[in-house]
Amino acid sequence: MKEDVIEATIAAQVAALPSLPWIELKTRWLKHFGAPPGVNNRRYVIRRLADRLQEDAYRASGHPLVEDNAKRVARLLETGKITRRANAPAPTPGAVLTRLYEGRLHRVTVLADGGFDYEGRRFGSLSKIARDITGTRWSGPAFFGLRSSAKR
């Protein structure tokens, strides 16, 4: 319920931006960005303020994506390598994924650390398991029915 109120408040603030006087837009910009806008383009300032208001609200909501991105940034700073973010959230740890392939039922257990257990072996991705099963390259999530194999 509280999130609904926050969302309504943010939506109202964003909706009000186009009707604010330029001086008020510059004041809000200063509050959110710490410096005056570097441009005198009203449409640009409104769009960026709208984005910032929504980003701040999203960050304050404690959404898991924020935490995930913070971990990815820390890993980047630590290792100097970029890690890819999953396109879709991983299945819940403990879930068992099944696939009937060539008359045999294959079961994969989702592990708490984000890995997968298949026949007592640990795999880092569903795609590696799908390749182990079929002998060819497959999208693991598509193979186990978590998403369509066709491109959108």
N, C-alpha and C. Protein backbone atom coordinates (compact mmCIF):
# COMPACT_ATOMS: atom_id res chain seq x y z
N MET A 1 0.83 -1.19 0.00
CA MET A 1 0.00 0.00 0.00
C MET A 1 0.87 1.25 0.00
N LYS A 2 1.93 1.23 0.83
CA LYS A 2 2.82 2.38 0.90
C LYS A 2 3.50 2.63 -0.44
N GLU A 3 3.88 1.53 -1.14
CA GLU A 3 4.52 1.67 -2.46
C GLU A 3 3.58 2.33 -3.44
N ASP A 4 2.27 2.02 -3.36
CA ASP A 4 1.29 2.64 -4.25
C ASP A 4 1.27 4.15 -4.05
N VAL A 5 1.35 4.58 -2.78
CA VAL A 5 1.35 6.01 -2.48
C VAL A 5 2.61 6.67 -3.03
N ILE A 6 3.75 5.99 -2.86
CA ILE A 6 5.02 6.53 -3.37
C ILE A 6 4.95 6.64 -4.89
N GLU A 7 4.44 5.56 -5.56
CA GLU A 7 4.35 5.59 -7.02
C GLU A 7 3.44 6.71 -7.49
N ALA A 8 2.31 6.91 -6.79
CA ALA A 8 1.38 7.98 -7.16
C ALA A 8 2.04 9.34 -6.98
N THR A 9 2.80 9.49 -5.90
CA THR A 9 3.48 10.75 -5.65
C THR A 9 4.52 11.03 -6.72
N ILE A 10 5.30 10.04 -7.08
CA ILE A 10 6.32 10.21 -8.12
C ILE A 10 5.65 10.50 -9.46
N ALA A 11 4.58 9.78 -9.76
CA ALA A 11 3.87 10.01 -11.01
C ALA A 11 3.32 11.44 -11.06
N ALA A 12 2.82 11.91 -9.93
CA ALA A 12 2.28 13.28 -9.88
C ALA A 12 3.41 14.30 -10.06
N GLN A 13 4.56 14.04 -9.44
CA GLN A 13 5.69 14.96 -9.59
C GLN A 13 6.17 15.01 -11.04
N VAL A 14 6.26 13.85 -11.67
CA VAL A 14 6.70 13.80 -13.07
C VAL A 14 5.69 14.50 -13.96
N ALA A 15 4.40 14.26 -13.70
CA ALA A 15 3.36 14.89 -14.52
C ALA A 15 3.36 16.41 -14.36
N ALA A 16 3.78 16.91 -13.20
CA ALA A 16 3.77 18.35 -12.95
C ALA A 16 4.97 19.07 -13.56
N LEU A 17 6.02 18.36 -13.90
CA LEU A 17 7.24 19.02 -14.40
C LEU A 17 7.00 19.95 -15.58
N PRO A 18 6.27 19.57 -16.61
CA PRO A 18 6.10 20.46 -17.77
C PRO A 18 5.42 21.79 -17.44
N SER A 19 4.64 21.83 -16.37
CA SER A 19 3.93 23.07 -16.04
C SER A 19 4.72 23.98 -15.09
N LEU A 20 5.88 23.53 -14.62
CA LEU A 20 6.67 24.34 -13.69
C LEU A 20 7.41 25.45 -14.43
N PRO A 21 7.59 26.59 -13.76
CA PRO A 21 8.40 27.66 -14.37
C PRO A 21 9.86 27.22 -14.49
N TRP A 22 10.57 27.81 -15.42
CA TRP A 22 11.98 27.46 -15.67
C TRP A 22 12.83 27.57 -14.42
N ILE A 23 12.62 28.60 -13.62
CA ILE A 23 13.44 28.78 -12.42
C ILE A 23 13.23 27.63 -11.43
N GLU A 24 11.99 27.13 -11.34
CA GLU A 24 11.69 25.99 -10.47
C GLU A 24 12.34 24.71 -11.00
N LEU A 25 12.34 24.54 -12.31
CA LEU A 25 13.01 23.38 -12.90
C LEU A 25 14.50 23.41 -12.60
N LYS A 26 15.11 24.59 -12.72
CA LYS A 26 16.54 24.71 -12.42
C LYS A 26 16.81 24.44 -10.94
N THR A 27 15.91 24.87 -10.06
CA THR A 27 16.08 24.62 -8.62
C THR A 27 16.02 23.11 -8.33
N ARG A 28 15.05 22.44 -8.94
CA ARG A 28 14.93 20.99 -8.74
C ARG A 28 16.13 20.25 -9.33
N TRP A 29 16.60 20.73 -10.47
CA TRP A 29 17.79 20.13 -11.08
C TRP A 29 18.97 20.22 -10.11
N LEU A 30 19.17 21.39 -9.55
CA LEU A 30 20.26 21.61 -8.61
C LEU A 30 20.14 20.66 -7.42
N LYS A 31 18.93 20.48 -6.93
CA LYS A 31 18.68 19.59 -5.79
C LYS A 31 19.03 18.14 -6.13
N HIS A 32 18.68 17.68 -7.33
CA HIS A 32 18.87 16.28 -7.69
C HIS A 32 20.23 15.97 -8.31
N PHE A 33 20.86 16.95 -8.93
CA PHE A 33 22.13 16.69 -9.63
C PHE A 33 23.32 17.39 -8.98
N GLY A 34 23.07 18.33 -8.06
CA GLY A 34 24.16 18.98 -7.35
C GLY A 34 24.83 20.12 -8.08
N ALA A 35 24.38 20.45 -9.28
CA ALA A 35 24.93 21.56 -10.06
C ALA A 35 23.82 22.05 -10.98
N PRO A 36 23.92 23.29 -11.43
CA PRO A 36 22.88 23.78 -12.35
C PRO A 36 22.95 23.04 -13.68
N PRO A 37 21.82 23.00 -14.40
CA PRO A 37 21.86 22.30 -15.70
C PRO A 37 22.85 22.97 -16.64
N GLY A 38 23.55 22.17 -17.39
CA GLY A 38 24.55 22.70 -18.31
C GLY A 38 23.96 23.17 -19.62
N VAL A 39 22.65 23.05 -19.75
CA VAL A 39 21.98 23.46 -20.99
C VAL A 39 20.75 24.29 -20.63
N ASN A 40 20.28 25.06 -21.58
CA ASN A 40 19.05 25.82 -21.40
C ASN A 40 17.95 25.24 -22.26
N ASN A 41 17.85 23.94 -22.30
CA ASN A 41 16.86 23.24 -23.10
C ASN A 41 15.80 22.68 -22.16
N ARG A 42 14.65 23.31 -22.13
CA ARG A 42 13.58 22.96 -21.20
C ARG A 42 13.16 21.48 -21.34
N ARG A 43 12.95 21.02 -22.56
CA ARG A 43 12.51 19.63 -22.77
C ARG A 43 13.54 18.63 -22.24
N TYR A 44 14.81 18.92 -22.47
CA TYR A 44 15.87 18.04 -21.98
C TYR A 44 15.86 18.00 -20.45
N VAL A 45 15.76 19.15 -19.82
CA VAL A 45 15.78 19.24 -18.36
C VAL A 45 14.58 18.49 -17.78
N ILE A 46 13.42 18.63 -18.37
CA ILE A 46 12.23 17.93 -17.88
C ILE A 46 12.40 16.42 -17.98
N ARG A 47 12.91 15.96 -19.12
CA ARG A 47 13.10 14.51 -19.30
C ARG A 47 14.11 13.95 -18.30
N ARG A 48 15.21 14.65 -18.14
CA ARG A 48 16.24 14.16 -17.20
C ARG A 48 15.75 14.21 -15.75
N LEU A 49 15.01 15.25 -15.37
CA LEU A 49 14.45 15.32 -14.02
C LEU A 49 13.44 14.18 -13.80
N ALA A 50 12.62 13.91 -14.79
CA ALA A 50 11.65 12.81 -14.68
C ALA A 50 12.38 11.49 -14.48
N ASP A 51 13.44 11.27 -15.24
CA ASP A 51 14.24 10.05 -15.08
C ASP A 51 14.82 9.98 -13.68
N ARG A 52 15.39 11.07 -13.21
CA ARG A 52 16.04 11.07 -11.90
C ARG A 52 15.03 10.83 -10.78
N LEU A 53 13.87 11.43 -10.86
CA LEU A 53 12.82 11.20 -9.84
C LEU A 53 12.46 9.71 -9.77
N GLN A 54 12.30 9.11 -10.94
CA GLN A 54 11.94 7.69 -10.97
C GLN A 54 13.09 6.81 -10.49
N GLU A 55 14.32 7.16 -10.88
CA GLU A 55 15.48 6.40 -10.42
C GLU A 55 15.59 6.45 -8.90
N ASP A 56 15.43 7.64 -8.33
CA ASP A 56 15.52 7.79 -6.88
C ASP A 56 14.44 6.98 -6.17
N ALA A 57 13.23 7.01 -6.70
CA ALA A 57 12.13 6.24 -6.10
C ALA A 57 12.41 4.74 -6.20
N TYR A 58 12.92 4.31 -7.33
CA TYR A 58 13.23 2.90 -7.54
C TYR A 58 14.34 2.46 -6.59
N ARG A 59 15.35 3.29 -6.45
CA ARG A 59 16.47 2.99 -5.57
C ARG A 59 15.99 2.91 -4.13
N ALA A 60 15.10 3.82 -3.72
CA ALA A 60 14.59 3.84 -2.35
C ALA A 60 13.70 2.65 -2.05
N SER A 61 13.12 2.05 -3.08
CA SER A 61 12.21 0.92 -2.86
C SER A 61 12.96 -0.34 -2.45
N GLY A 62 14.30 -0.34 -2.59
CA GLY A 62 15.09 -1.50 -2.20
C GLY A 62 14.89 -2.68 -3.14
N HIS A 63 14.61 -2.41 -4.40
CA HIS A 63 14.38 -3.47 -5.39
C HIS A 63 15.65 -4.31 -5.54
N PRO A 64 15.52 -5.63 -5.70
CA PRO A 64 16.70 -6.51 -5.84
C PRO A 64 17.61 -6.14 -7.00
N LEU A 65 17.06 -5.53 -8.05
CA LEU A 65 17.88 -5.17 -9.20
C LEU A 65 18.95 -4.15 -8.81
N VAL A 66 18.61 -3.24 -7.90
CA VAL A 66 19.57 -2.24 -7.45
C VAL A 66 20.74 -2.93 -6.76
N GLU A 67 20.42 -3.88 -5.89
CA GLU A 67 21.46 -4.61 -5.18
C GLU A 67 22.31 -5.43 -6.15
N ASP A 68 21.65 -6.06 -7.13
CA ASP A 68 22.36 -6.85 -8.13
C ASP A 68 23.33 -5.97 -8.93
N ASN A 69 22.87 -4.80 -9.33
CA ASN A 69 23.75 -3.89 -10.07
C ASN A 69 24.91 -3.41 -9.22
N ALA A 70 24.67 -3.16 -7.93
CA ALA A 70 25.75 -2.73 -7.03
C ALA A 70 26.82 -3.83 -6.95
N LYS A 71 26.38 -5.09 -6.89
CA LYS A 71 27.33 -6.21 -6.85
C LYS A 71 28.13 -6.30 -8.14
N ARG A 72 27.45 -6.08 -9.28
CA ARG A 72 28.14 -6.13 -10.57
C ARG A 72 29.19 -5.02 -10.69
N VAL A 73 28.86 -3.84 -10.19
CA VAL A 73 29.81 -2.73 -10.23
C VAL A 73 31.01 -3.05 -9.33
N ALA A 74 30.75 -3.60 -8.14
CA ALA A 74 31.84 -3.97 -7.23
C ALA A 74 32.75 -5.01 -7.88
N ARG A 75 32.15 -6.01 -8.55
CA ARG A 75 32.93 -7.03 -9.25
C ARG A 75 33.77 -6.42 -10.35
N LEU A 76 33.19 -5.47 -11.08
CA LEU A 76 33.92 -4.80 -12.16
C LEU A 76 35.13 -4.06 -11.60
N LEU A 77 34.94 -3.35 -10.51
CA LEU A 77 36.05 -2.60 -9.91
C LEU A 77 37.11 -3.54 -9.35
N GLU A 78 36.67 -4.68 -8.83
CA GLU A 78 37.60 -5.63 -8.23
C GLU A 78 38.39 -6.41 -9.28
N THR A 79 37.69 -6.88 -10.33
CA THR A 79 38.34 -7.76 -11.31
C THR A 79 38.68 -7.08 -12.62
N GLY A 80 38.01 -5.96 -12.92
CA GLY A 80 38.22 -5.30 -14.20
C GLY A 80 37.47 -5.95 -15.33
N LYS A 81 36.59 -6.92 -15.01
CA LYS A 81 35.83 -7.63 -16.03
C LYS A 81 34.34 -7.38 -15.82
N ILE A 82 33.63 -7.23 -16.92
CA ILE A 82 32.19 -7.02 -16.87
C ILE A 82 31.50 -8.37 -16.85
N THR A 83 30.56 -8.54 -15.92
CA THR A 83 29.76 -9.75 -15.90
C THR A 83 28.40 -9.45 -16.49
N ARG A 84 27.89 -10.36 -17.26
CA ARG A 84 26.59 -10.16 -17.89
C ARG A 84 25.48 -10.37 -16.87
N ARG A 85 24.47 -9.54 -17.00
CA ARG A 85 23.29 -9.70 -16.16
C ARG A 85 22.33 -10.61 -16.90
N ALA A 86 21.68 -11.48 -16.18
CA ALA A 86 20.72 -12.39 -16.80
C ALA A 86 19.56 -11.60 -17.39
N ASN A 87 19.09 -12.04 -18.55
CA ASN A 87 17.94 -11.38 -19.17
C ASN A 87 16.68 -11.57 -18.36
N ALA A 88 16.54 -12.71 -17.76
CA ALA A 88 15.37 -12.99 -16.94
C ALA A 88 15.86 -13.50 -15.60
N PRO A 89 15.10 -13.28 -14.55
CA PRO A 89 15.54 -13.77 -13.25
C PRO A 89 15.65 -15.29 -13.26
N ALA A 90 16.62 -15.77 -12.52
CA ALA A 90 16.84 -17.21 -12.44
C ALA A 90 15.68 -17.86 -11.67
N PRO A 91 15.45 -19.13 -11.94
CA PRO A 91 14.40 -19.83 -11.18
C PRO A 91 14.74 -19.84 -9.69
N THR A 92 13.74 -20.03 -8.89
CA THR A 92 13.91 -20.04 -7.43
C THR A 92 14.81 -21.19 -7.01
N PRO A 93 15.78 -20.93 -6.11
CA PRO A 93 16.63 -22.01 -5.62
C PRO A 93 15.78 -23.14 -5.03
N GLY A 94 16.17 -24.35 -5.36
CA GLY A 94 15.43 -25.53 -4.91
C GLY A 94 14.44 -26.03 -5.95
N ALA A 95 14.14 -25.20 -6.94
CA ALA A 95 13.21 -25.63 -7.99
C ALA A 95 13.85 -26.74 -8.82
N VAL A 96 13.02 -27.65 -9.29
CA VAL A 96 13.51 -28.73 -10.14
C VAL A 96 12.94 -28.52 -11.54
N LEU A 97 13.83 -28.35 -12.50
CA LEU A 97 13.43 -28.18 -13.90
C LEU A 97 13.50 -29.54 -14.58
N THR A 98 12.49 -29.85 -15.36
CA THR A 98 12.49 -31.14 -16.03
C THR A 98 12.30 -30.95 -17.52
N ARG A 99 12.84 -31.90 -18.28
CA ARG A 99 12.69 -31.89 -19.74
C ARG A 99 12.76 -33.33 -20.23
N LEU A 100 11.76 -33.72 -20.98
CA LEU A 100 11.76 -35.02 -21.62
C LEU A 100 12.47 -34.85 -22.96
N TYR A 101 13.56 -35.56 -23.14
CA TYR A 101 14.35 -35.45 -24.36
C TYR A 101 14.75 -36.84 -24.81
N GLU A 102 14.39 -37.18 -26.02
CA GLU A 102 14.68 -38.49 -26.62
C GLU A 102 14.28 -39.64 -25.69
N GLY A 103 13.07 -39.52 -25.13
CA GLY A 103 12.51 -40.59 -24.30
C GLY A 103 13.06 -40.67 -22.88
N ARG A 104 13.87 -39.73 -22.49
CA ARG A 104 14.45 -39.76 -21.15
C ARG A 104 14.11 -38.46 -20.43
N LEU A 105 13.72 -38.57 -19.15
CA LEU A 105 13.39 -37.40 -18.36
C LEU A 105 14.66 -36.87 -17.68
N HIS A 106 14.98 -35.62 -17.92
CA HIS A 106 16.17 -34.99 -17.33
C HIS A 106 15.71 -34.02 -16.25
N ARG A 107 16.34 -34.09 -15.08
CA ARG A 107 15.98 -33.22 -13.95
C ARG A 107 17.18 -32.38 -13.55
N VAL A 108 16.93 -31.09 -13.37
CA VAL A 108 17.97 -30.14 -12.96
C VAL A 108 17.47 -29.40 -11.73
N THR A 109 18.29 -29.35 -10.70
CA THR A 109 17.93 -28.63 -9.48
C THR A 109 18.64 -27.29 -9.46
N VAL A 110 17.89 -26.24 -9.17
CA VAL A 110 18.45 -24.89 -9.08
C VAL A 110 19.09 -24.74 -7.71
N LEU A 111 20.36 -24.33 -7.68
CA LEU A 111 21.10 -24.16 -6.43
C LEU A 111 21.00 -22.73 -5.91
N ALA A 112 21.21 -22.57 -4.62
CA ALA A 112 21.08 -21.25 -3.98
C ALA A 112 22.11 -20.25 -4.49
N ASP A 113 23.28 -20.72 -4.92
CA ASP A 113 24.33 -19.80 -5.38
C ASP A 113 24.17 -19.40 -6.85
N GLY A 114 23.06 -19.82 -7.48
CA GLY A 114 22.82 -19.46 -8.88
C GLY A 114 23.26 -20.53 -9.85
N GLY A 115 23.89 -21.60 -9.34
CA GLY A 115 24.31 -22.70 -10.20
C GLY A 115 23.19 -23.73 -10.34
N PHE A 116 23.54 -24.85 -10.99
CA PHE A 116 22.55 -25.88 -11.25
C PHE A 116 23.19 -27.25 -11.02
N ASP A 117 22.40 -28.19 -10.48
CA ASP A 117 22.85 -29.55 -10.25
C ASP A 117 22.15 -30.46 -11.25
N TYR A 118 22.95 -31.21 -12.01
CA TYR A 118 22.40 -32.16 -12.96
C TYR A 118 23.19 -33.46 -12.82
N GLU A 119 22.51 -34.52 -12.45
CA GLU A 119 23.11 -35.84 -12.25
C GLU A 119 24.31 -35.79 -11.32
N GLY A 120 24.19 -35.02 -10.25
CA GLY A 120 25.26 -34.95 -9.25
C GLY A 120 26.43 -34.06 -9.63
N ARG A 121 26.35 -33.41 -10.79
CA ARG A 121 27.42 -32.49 -11.22
C ARG A 121 26.90 -31.07 -11.17
N ARG A 122 27.78 -30.14 -10.84
CA ARG A 122 27.42 -28.72 -10.75
C ARG A 122 27.73 -28.04 -12.08
N PHE A 123 26.77 -27.26 -12.56
CA PHE A 123 26.93 -26.50 -13.79
C PHE A 123 26.66 -25.03 -13.49
N GLY A 124 27.33 -24.14 -14.21
CA GLY A 124 27.14 -22.71 -14.03
C GLY A 124 26.00 -22.14 -14.84
N SER A 125 25.53 -22.90 -15.84
CA SER A 125 24.44 -22.38 -16.67
C SER A 125 23.59 -23.53 -17.20
N LEU A 126 22.35 -23.19 -17.50
CA LEU A 126 21.45 -24.18 -18.09
C LEU A 126 21.89 -24.54 -19.50
N SER A 127 22.52 -23.60 -20.19
CA SER A 127 22.97 -23.86 -21.56
C SER A 127 24.02 -24.96 -21.59
N LYS A 128 24.89 -24.99 -20.60
CA LYS A 128 25.90 -26.05 -20.54
C LYS A 128 25.26 -27.41 -20.30
N ILE A 129 24.21 -27.43 -19.50
CA ILE A 129 23.49 -28.68 -19.25
C ILE A 129 22.78 -29.13 -20.53
N ALA A 130 22.14 -28.20 -21.22
CA ALA A 130 21.44 -28.53 -22.46
C ALA A 130 22.43 -29.09 -23.49
N ARG A 131 23.62 -28.52 -23.52
CA ARG A 131 24.64 -29.02 -24.46
C ARG A 131 25.11 -30.41 -24.06
N ASP A 132 25.23 -30.64 -22.75
CA ASP A 132 25.63 -31.95 -22.24
C ASP A 132 24.58 -33.00 -22.62
N ILE A 133 23.32 -32.63 -22.54
CA ILE A 133 22.22 -33.56 -22.84
C ILE A 133 22.12 -33.83 -24.34
N THR A 134 22.17 -32.77 -25.15
CA THR A 134 21.90 -32.91 -26.58
C THR A 134 23.13 -33.09 -27.45
N GLY A 135 24.27 -32.61 -26.95
CA GLY A 135 25.49 -32.66 -27.77
C GLY A 135 25.59 -31.49 -28.73
N THR A 136 24.62 -30.58 -28.71
CA THR A 136 24.65 -29.40 -29.57
C THR A 136 24.39 -28.16 -28.73
N ARG A 137 24.69 -27.01 -29.31
CA ARG A 137 24.45 -25.76 -28.59
C ARG A 137 22.96 -25.44 -28.54
N TRP A 138 22.52 -25.13 -27.33
CA TRP A 138 21.12 -24.78 -27.08
C TRP A 138 21.09 -23.60 -26.14
N SER A 139 20.03 -22.84 -26.19
CA SER A 139 19.75 -21.88 -25.13
C SER A 139 19.18 -22.69 -23.99
N GLY A 140 19.85 -22.71 -22.86
CA GLY A 140 19.39 -23.50 -21.72
C GLY A 140 17.99 -23.11 -21.26
N PRO A 141 17.72 -21.79 -21.07
CA PRO A 141 16.37 -21.41 -20.66
C PRO A 141 15.31 -21.84 -21.68
N ALA A 142 15.63 -21.79 -22.96
CA ALA A 142 14.67 -22.24 -23.98
C ALA A 142 14.51 -23.75 -23.93
N PHE A 143 15.61 -24.48 -23.76
CA PHE A 143 15.56 -25.94 -23.71
C PHE A 143 14.68 -26.42 -22.56
N PHE A 144 14.76 -25.75 -21.41
CA PHE A 144 13.97 -26.16 -20.25
C PHE A 144 12.63 -25.44 -20.15
N GLY A 145 12.27 -24.70 -21.21
CA GLY A 145 10.95 -24.08 -21.27
C GLY A 145 10.78 -22.82 -20.44
N LEU A 146 11.87 -22.17 -20.07
CA LEU A 146 11.77 -20.94 -19.28
C LEU A 146 11.51 -19.73 -20.17
N ARG A 147 11.82 -19.84 -21.44
CA ARG A 147 11.52 -18.77 -22.39
C ARG A 147 11.46 -19.37 -23.78
N SER A 148 10.90 -18.61 -24.68
CA SER A 148 10.74 -19.07 -26.05
C SER A 148 12.11 -19.16 -26.73
N SER A 149 12.28 -20.14 -27.58
CA SER A 149 13.54 -20.24 -28.32
C SER A 149 13.56 -19.31 -29.52
N ALA A 150 12.38 -18.82 -29.92
CA ALA A 150 12.31 -17.90 -31.06
C ALA A 150 12.68 -16.49 -30.61
N LYS A 151 13.38 -15.77 -31.48
CA LYS A 151 13.72 -14.38 -31.17
C LYS A 151 12.49 -13.52 -31.31
N ARG A 152 12.38 -12.53 -30.45
CA ARG A 152 11.23 -11.64 -30.50
C ARG A 152 11.43 -10.57 -31.53
